[in-house]
Amino acid sequence: MKNMFTSRLSELIRESEKNQNHICADLKISKQKLSNWKTGYCEPNLDDLIMLALYFDVSSDFLLGIEDETGAKSNG
């Protein structure tokens, strides 16, 4: 089952219109690492979460499902 992070990450990748190879090259991470995050097999550490937020120009709270795309806090 996908959690909010995996859903948001998949959505951001799709919206970026970049393929995963390009994103991995930009971020200097392995394809396996990105795939593991997308499938929910593992979650990013704090540094990786910050890197993803900066790359996709969103907040870490958005990636984690704490706030929506407008920055409003969700109710849980």
PDB file of N, CA and C in Angstrom:
ATOM      1  N   MET A   1       0.846  -1.188   0.000  1.00  0.00           N
ATOM      2  CA  MET A   1       0.000   0.000   0.000  1.00  0.00           C
ATOM      3  C   MET A   1       0.886   1.244   0.000  1.00  0.00           C
ATOM      4  N   LYS A   2       0.504   2.213  -0.801  1.00  0.00           N
ATOM      5  CA  LYS A   2       1.279   3.441  -0.886  1.00  0.00           C
ATOM      6  C   LYS A   2       0.925   4.383   0.258  1.00  0.00           C
ATOM      7  N   ASN A   3       1.956   5.011   0.816  1.00  0.00           N
ATOM      8  CA  ASN A   3       1.710   6.043   1.807  1.00  0.00           C
ATOM      9  C   ASN A   3       1.735   7.402   1.109  1.00  0.00           C
ATOM     10  N   MET A   4       1.539   8.444   1.846  1.00  0.00           N
ATOM     11  CA  MET A   4       1.467   9.779   1.250  1.00  0.00           C
ATOM     12  C   MET A   4       2.782  10.155   0.569  1.00  0.00           C
ATOM     13  N   PHE A   5       3.920   9.800   1.180  1.00  0.00           N
ATOM     14  CA  PHE A   5       5.209  10.135   0.572  1.00  0.00           C
ATOM     15  C   PHE A   5       5.338   9.489  -0.800  1.00  0.00           C
ATOM     16  N   THR A   6       5.068   8.209  -0.906  1.00  0.00           N
ATOM     17  CA  THR A   6       5.231   7.516  -2.190  1.00  0.00           C
ATOM     18  C   THR A   6       4.281   8.089  -3.233  1.00  0.00           C
ATOM     19  N   SER A   7       3.075   8.416  -2.823  1.00  0.00           N
ATOM     20  CA  SER A   7       2.111   9.020  -3.757  1.00  0.00           C
ATOM     21  C   SER A   7       2.585  10.379  -4.241  1.00  0.00           C
ATOM     22  N   ARG A   8       3.052  11.199  -3.309  1.00  0.00           N
ATOM     23  CA  ARG A   8       3.510  12.542  -3.681  1.00  0.00           C
ATOM     24  C   ARG A   8       4.759  12.474  -4.558  1.00  0.00           C
ATOM     25  N   LEU A   9       5.692  11.592  -4.219  1.00  0.00           N
ATOM     26  CA  LEU A   9       6.902  11.465  -5.022  1.00  0.00           C
ATOM     27  C   LEU A   9       6.566  11.012  -6.436  1.00  0.00           C
ATOM     28  N   SER A  10       5.711  10.023  -6.566  1.00  0.00           N
ATOM     29  CA  SER A  10       5.311   9.543  -7.896  1.00  0.00           C
ATOM     30  C   SER A  10       4.644  10.650  -8.696  1.00  0.00           C
ATOM     31  N   GLU A  11       3.802  11.422  -8.034  1.00  0.00           N
ATOM     32  CA  GLU A  11       3.116  12.544  -8.683  1.00  0.00           C
ATOM     33  C   GLU A  11       4.115  13.602  -9.167  1.00  0.00           C
ATOM     34  N   LEU A  12       5.087  13.926  -8.331  1.00  0.00           N
ATOM     35  CA  LEU A  12       6.085  14.930  -8.702  1.00  0.00           C
ATOM     36  C   LEU A  12       6.953  14.459  -9.861  1.00  0.00           C
ATOM     37  N   ILE A  13       7.302  13.197  -9.856  1.00  0.00           N
ATOM     38  CA  ILE A  13       8.087  12.645 -10.962  1.00  0.00           C
ATOM     39  C   ILE A  13       7.286  12.726 -12.256  1.00  0.00           C
ATOM     40  N   ARG A  14       6.037  12.323 -12.198  1.00  0.00           N
ATOM     41  CA  ARG A  14       5.163  12.363 -13.380  1.00  0.00           C
ATOM     42  C   ARG A  14       5.005  13.802 -13.884  1.00  0.00           C
ATOM     43  N   GLU A  15       4.767  14.729 -12.984  1.00  0.00           N
ATOM     44  CA  GLU A  15       4.567  16.130 -13.365  1.00  0.00           C
ATOM     45  C   GLU A  15       5.836  16.781 -13.905  1.00  0.00           C
ATOM     46  N   SER A  16       6.989  16.277 -13.501  1.00  0.00           N
ATOM     47  CA  SER A  16       8.247  16.862 -13.956  1.00  0.00           C
ATOM     48  C   SER A  16       8.508  16.590 -15.432  1.00  0.00           C
ATOM     49  N   GLU A  17       7.850  15.571 -15.958  1.00  0.00           N
ATOM     50  CA  GLU A  17       8.014  15.144 -17.347  1.00  0.00           C
ATOM     51  C   GLU A  17       9.453  14.744 -17.659  1.00  0.00           C
ATOM     52  N   LYS A  18      10.199  14.384 -16.623  1.00  0.00           N
ATOM     53  CA  LYS A  18      11.556  13.860 -16.789  1.00  0.00           C
ATOM     54  C   LYS A  18      11.495  12.360 -16.533  1.00  0.00           C
ATOM     55  N   ASN A  19      12.345  11.610 -17.230  1.00  0.00           N
ATOM     56  CA  ASN A  19      12.360  10.186 -16.930  1.00  0.00           C
ATOM     57  C   ASN A  19      13.205   9.948 -15.678  1.00  0.00           C
ATOM     58  N   GLN A  20      13.040   8.766 -15.115  1.00  0.00           N
ATOM     59  CA  GLN A  20      13.715   8.462 -13.856  1.00  0.00           C
ATOM     60  C   GLN A  20      15.238   8.478 -14.000  1.00  0.00           C
ATOM     61  N   ASN A  21      15.745   8.077 -15.152  1.00  0.00           N
ATOM     62  CA  ASN A  21      17.196   8.108 -15.363  1.00  0.00           C
ATOM     63  C   ASN A  21      17.727   9.534 -15.252  1.00  0.00           C
ATOM     64  N   HIS A  22      16.993  10.487 -15.831  1.00  0.00           N
ATOM     65  CA  HIS A  22      17.401  11.895 -15.782  1.00  0.00           C
ATOM     66  C   HIS A  22      17.368  12.412 -14.342  1.00  0.00           C
ATOM     67  N   ILE A  23      16.310  12.089 -13.622  1.00  0.00           N
ATOM     68  CA  ILE A  23      16.182  12.538 -12.233  1.00  0.00           C
ATOM     69  C   ILE A  23      17.316  11.958 -11.387  1.00  0.00           C
ATOM     70  N   CYS A  24      17.586  10.667 -11.563  1.00  0.00           N
ATOM     71  CA  CYS A  24      18.665  10.023 -10.807  1.00  0.00           C
ATOM     72  C   CYS A  24      20.017  10.662 -11.120  1.00  0.00           C
ATOM     73  N   ALA A  25      20.249  10.978 -12.384  1.00  0.00           N
ATOM     74  CA  ALA A  25      21.500  11.637 -12.759  1.00  0.00           C
ATOM     75  C   ALA A  25      21.585  13.020 -12.127  1.00  0.00           C
ATOM     76  N   ASP A  26      20.484  13.770 -12.176  1.00  0.00           N
ATOM     77  CA  ASP A  26      20.465  15.103 -11.560  1.00  0.00           C
ATOM     78  C   ASP A  26      20.766  15.029 -10.066  1.00  0.00           C
ATOM     79  N   LEU A  27      20.173  14.048  -9.390  1.00  0.00           N
ATOM     80  CA  LEU A  27      20.308  13.927  -7.938  1.00  0.00           C
ATOM     81  C   LEU A  27      21.530  13.129  -7.505  1.00  0.00           C
ATOM     82  N   LYS A  28      22.181  12.511  -8.481  1.00  0.00           N
ATOM     83  CA  LYS A  28      23.351  11.664  -8.194  1.00  0.00           C
ATOM     84  C   LYS A  28      22.995  10.529  -7.236  1.00  0.00           C
ATOM     85  N   ILE A  29      21.881   9.859  -7.554  1.00  0.00           N
ATOM     86  CA  ILE A  29      21.454   8.690  -6.790  1.00  0.00           C
ATOM     87  C   ILE A  29      21.244   7.530  -7.757  1.00  0.00           C
ATOM     88  N   SER A  30      21.183   6.330  -7.220  1.00  0.00           N
ATOM     89  CA  SER A  30      20.966   5.157  -8.063  1.00  0.00           C
ATOM     90  C   SER A  30      19.494   5.032  -8.445  1.00  0.00           C
ATOM     91  N   LYS A  31      19.262   4.358  -9.548  1.00  0.00           N
ATOM     92  CA  LYS A  31      17.881   4.091  -9.972  1.00  0.00           C
ATOM     93  C   LYS A  31      17.178   3.228  -8.934  1.00  0.00           C
ATOM     94  N   GLN A  32      17.925   2.330  -8.319  1.00  0.00           N
ATOM     95  CA  GLN A  32      17.351   1.451  -7.289  1.00  0.00           C
ATOM     96  C   GLN A  32      16.848   2.254  -6.091  1.00  0.00           C
ATOM     97  N   LYS A  33      17.610   3.257  -5.701  1.00  0.00           N
ATOM     98  CA  LYS A  33      17.214   4.089  -4.563  1.00  0.00           C
ATOM     99  C   LYS A  33      15.900   4.803  -4.851  1.00  0.00           C
ATOM    100  N   LEU A  34      15.796   5.414  -6.020  1.00  0.00           N
ATOM    101  CA  LEU A  34      14.558   6.105  -6.381  1.00  0.00           C
ATOM    102  C   LEU A  34      13.404   5.118  -6.470  1.00  0.00           C
ATOM    103  N   SER A  35      13.643   3.981  -7.056  1.00  0.00           N
ATOM    104  CA  SER A  35      12.607   2.955  -7.167  1.00  0.00           C
ATOM    105  C   SER A  35      12.140   2.490  -5.791  1.00  0.00           C
ATOM    106  N   ASN A  36      13.070   2.303  -4.877  1.00  0.00           N
ATOM    107  CA  ASN A  36      12.708   1.885  -3.515  1.00  0.00           C
ATOM    108  C   ASN A  36      11.838   2.918  -2.824  1.00  0.00           C
ATOM    109  N   TRP A  37      12.137   4.199  -3.036  1.00  0.00           N
ATOM    110  CA  TRP A  37      11.304   5.252  -2.459  1.00  0.00           C
ATOM    111  C   TRP A  37       9.917   5.256  -3.085  1.00  0.00           C
ATOM    112  N   LYS A  38       9.862   5.114  -4.414  1.00  0.00           N
ATOM    113  CA  LYS A  38       8.576   5.154  -5.117  1.00  0.00           C
ATOM    114  C   LYS A  38       7.662   4.001  -4.726  1.00  0.00           C
ATOM    115  N   THR A  39       8.243   2.848  -4.467  1.00  0.00           N
ATOM    116  CA  THR A  39       7.441   1.675  -4.126  1.00  0.00           C
ATOM    117  C   THR A  39       7.149   1.575  -2.638  1.00  0.00           C
ATOM    118  N   GLY A  40       7.824   2.387  -1.839  1.00  0.00           N
ATOM    119  CA  GLY A  40       7.634   2.329  -0.398  1.00  0.00           C
ATOM    120  C   GLY A  40       8.471   1.254   0.266  1.00  0.00           C
ATOM    121  N   TYR A  41       9.400   0.650  -0.479  1.00  0.00           N
ATOM    122  CA  TYR A  41      10.268  -0.369   0.089  1.00  0.00           C
ATOM    123  C   TYR A  41      11.125   0.218   1.207  1.00  0.00           C
ATOM    124  N   CYS A  42      11.564   1.458   1.009  1.00  0.00           N
ATOM    125  CA  CYS A  42      12.274   2.177   2.063  1.00  0.00           C
ATOM    126  C   CYS A  42      11.958   3.663   1.914  1.00  0.00           C
ATOM    127  N   GLU A  43      12.297   4.409   2.931  1.00  0.00           N
ATOM    128  CA  GLU A  43      12.027   5.845   2.942  1.00  0.00           C
ATOM    129  C   GLU A  43      13.346   6.612   2.952  1.00  0.00           C
ATOM    130  N   PRO A  44      13.327   7.826   2.448  1.00  0.00           N
ATOM    131  CA  PRO A  44      14.560   8.614   2.422  1.00  0.00           C
ATOM    132  C   PRO A  44      14.956   9.066   3.821  1.00  0.00           C
ATOM    133  N   ASN A  45      16.262   9.226   4.014  1.00  0.00           N
ATOM    134  CA  ASN A  45      16.714   9.808   5.274  1.00  0.00           C
ATOM    135  C   ASN A  45      16.493  11.321   5.196  1.00  0.00           C
ATOM    136  N   LEU A  46      16.812  12.020   6.243  1.00  0.00           N
ATOM    137  CA  LEU A  46      16.554  13.466   6.318  1.00  0.00           C
ATOM    138  C   LEU A  46      17.260  14.229   5.204  1.00  0.00           C
ATOM    139  N   ASP A  47      18.519  13.917   4.960  1.00  0.00           N
ATOM    140  CA  ASP A  47      19.262  14.613   3.902  1.00  0.00           C
ATOM    141  C   ASP A  47      18.634  14.367   2.528  1.00  0.00           C
ATOM    142  N   ASP A  48      18.221  13.130   2.281  1.00  0.00           N
ATOM    143  CA  ASP A  48      17.591  12.806   0.999  1.00  0.00           C
ATOM    144  C   ASP A  48      16.228  13.484   0.858  1.00  0.00           C
ATOM    145  N   LEU A  49      15.487  13.572   1.953  1.00  0.00           N
ATOM    146  CA  LEU A  49      14.192  14.251   1.923  1.00  0.00           C
ATOM    147  C   LEU A  49      14.377  15.724   1.563  1.00  0.00           C
ATOM    148  N   ILE A  50      15.364  16.359   2.149  1.00  0.00           N
ATOM    149  CA  ILE A  50      15.666  17.763   1.838  1.00  0.00           C
ATOM    150  C   ILE A  50      16.070  17.899   0.376  1.00  0.00           C
ATOM    151  N   MET A  51      16.916  16.984  -0.099  1.00  0.00           N
ATOM    152  CA  MET A  51      17.360  17.004  -1.494  1.00  0.00           C
ATOM    153  C   MET A  51      16.160  16.901  -2.446  1.00  0.00           C
ATOM    154  N   LEU A  52      15.227  16.004  -2.152  1.00  0.00           N
ATOM    155  CA  LEU A  52      14.040  15.842  -3.000  1.00  0.00           C
ATOM    156  C   LEU A  52      13.161  17.093  -2.973  1.00  0.00           C
ATOM    157  N   ALA A  53      12.983  17.662  -1.786  1.00  0.00           N
ATOM    158  CA  ALA A  53      12.161  18.862  -1.661  1.00  0.00           C
ATOM    159  C   ALA A  53      12.757  20.013  -2.471  1.00  0.00           C
ATOM    160  N   LEU A  54      14.058  20.188  -2.384  1.00  0.00           N
ATOM    161  CA  LEU A  54      14.714  21.248  -3.154  1.00  0.00           C
ATOM    162  C   LEU A  54      14.637  20.973  -4.653  1.00  0.00           C
ATOM    163  N   TYR A  55      14.849  19.733  -5.039  1.00  0.00           N
ATOM    164  CA  TYR A  55      14.831  19.376  -6.463  1.00  0.00           C
ATOM    165  C   TYR A  55      13.461  19.634  -7.088  1.00  0.00           C
ATOM    166  N   PHE A  56      12.410  19.220  -6.400  1.00  0.00           N
ATOM    167  CA  PHE A  56      11.060  19.374  -6.942  1.00  0.00           C
ATOM    168  C   PHE A  56      10.407  20.696  -6.539  1.00  0.00           C
ATOM    169  N   ASP A  57      11.139  21.526  -5.798  1.00  0.00           N
ATOM    170  CA  ASP A  57      10.667  22.844  -5.371  1.00  0.00           C
ATOM    171  C   ASP A  57       9.359  22.756  -4.587  1.00  0.00           C
ATOM    172  N   VAL A  58       9.354  21.853  -3.610  1.00  0.00           N
ATOM    173  CA  VAL A  58       8.223  21.697  -2.694  1.00  0.00           C
ATOM    174  C   VAL A  58       8.788  21.649  -1.282  1.00  0.00           C
ATOM    175  N   SER A  59       7.931  21.712  -0.297  1.00  0.00           N
ATOM    176  CA  SER A  59       8.404  21.604   1.081  1.00  0.00           C
ATOM    177  C   SER A  59       8.503  20.132   1.484  1.00  0.00           C
ATOM    178  N   SER A  60       9.316  19.872   2.464  1.00  0.00           N
ATOM    179  CA  SER A  60       9.383  18.507   2.992  1.00  0.00           C
ATOM    180  C   SER A  60       8.048  18.122   3.619  1.00  0.00           C
ATOM    181  N   ASP A  61       7.345  19.088   4.199  1.00  0.00           N
ATOM    182  CA  ASP A  61       6.016  18.816   4.746  1.00  0.00           C
ATOM    183  C   ASP A  61       5.047  18.365   3.660  1.00  0.00           C
ATOM    184  N   PHE A  62       5.159  18.939   2.471  1.00  0.00           N
ATOM    185  CA  PHE A  62       4.310  18.492   1.361  1.00  0.00           C
ATOM    186  C   PHE A  62       4.641  17.046   1.006  1.00  0.00           C
ATOM    187  N   LEU A  63       5.935  16.738   0.883  1.00  0.00           N
ATOM    188  CA  LEU A  63       6.337  15.372   0.548  1.00  0.00           C
ATOM    189  C   LEU A  63       5.837  14.368   1.581  1.00  0.00           C
ATOM    190  N   LEU A  64       5.821  14.764   2.833  1.00  0.00           N
ATOM    191  CA  LEU A  64       5.403  13.866   3.906  1.00  0.00           C
ATOM    192  C   LEU A  64       3.889  13.829   4.107  1.00  0.00           C
ATOM    193  N   GLY A  65       3.158  14.691   3.403  1.00  0.00           N
ATOM    194  CA  GLY A  65       1.705  14.712   3.535  1.00  0.00           C
ATOM    195  C   GLY A  65       1.200  15.539   4.690  1.00  0.00           C
ATOM    196  N   ILE A  66       2.070  16.355   5.268  1.00  0.00           N
ATOM    197  CA  ILE A  66       1.674  17.200   6.401  1.00  0.00           C
ATOM    198  C   ILE A  66       0.927  18.436   5.920  1.00  0.00           C
ATOM    199  N   GLU A  67       1.271  18.902   4.710  1.00  0.00           N
ATOM    200  CA  GLU A  67       0.558  20.043   4.138  1.00  0.00           C
ATOM    201  C   GLU A  67       0.216  19.758   2.690  1.00  0.00           C
ATOM    202  N   ASP A  68      -0.759  20.518   2.190  1.00  0.00           N
ATOM    203  CA  ASP A  68      -1.150  20.347   0.786  1.00  0.00           C
ATOM    204  C   ASP A  68      -0.328  21.267  -0.100  1.00  0.00           C
ATOM    205  N   GLU A  69      -0.666  21.288  -1.393  1.00  0.00           N
ATOM    206  CA  GLU A  69       0.130  22.069  -2.345  1.00  0.00           C
ATOM    207  C   GLU A  69       0.069  23.568  -2.101  1.00  0.00           C
ATOM    208  N   THR A  70      -0.910  24.037  -1.346  1.00  0.00           N
ATOM    209  CA  THR A  70      -0.996  25.469  -1.036  1.00  0.00           C
ATOM    210  C   THR A  70      -0.206  25.828   0.216  1.00  0.00           C
ATOM    211  N   GLY A  71       0.270  24.821   0.944  1.00  0.00           N
ATOM    212  CA  GLY A  71       1.001  25.060   2.178  1.00  0.00           C
ATOM    213  C   GLY A  71       0.124  24.957   3.411  1.00  0.00           C
ATOM    214  N   ALA A  72      -1.172  24.696   3.206  1.00  0.00           N
ATOM    215  CA  ALA A  72      -2.080  24.555   4.331  1.00  0.00           C
ATOM    216  C   ALA A  72      -1.837  23.205   5.009  1.00  0.00           C
ATOM    217  N   LYS A  73      -1.813  23.229   6.319  1.00  0.00           N
ATOM    218  CA  LYS A  73      -1.620  21.991   7.082  1.00  0.00           C
ATOM    219  C   LYS A  73      -2.849  21.100   6.933  1.00  0.00           C
ATOM    220  N   SER A  74      -2.587  19.804   6.776  1.00  0.00           N
ATOM    221  CA  SER A  74      -3.693  18.856   6.669  1.00  0.00           C
ATOM    222  C   SER A  74      -4.158  18.458   8.069  1.00  0.00           C
ATOM    223  N   ASN A  75      -5.312  17.880   8.133  1.00  0.00           N
ATOM    224  CA  ASN A  75      -5.876  17.480   9.429  1.00  0.00           C
ATOM    225  C   ASN A  75      -5.548  16.050   9.796  1.00  0.00           C
ATOM    226  N   GLY A  76      -4.542  15.506   9.164  1.00  0.00           N
ATOM    227  CA  GLY A  76      -4.111  14.197   9.601  1.00  0.00           C
ATOM    228  C   GLY A  76      -4.345  13.147   8.630  1.00  0.00           C
TER     229      GLY A  76
END
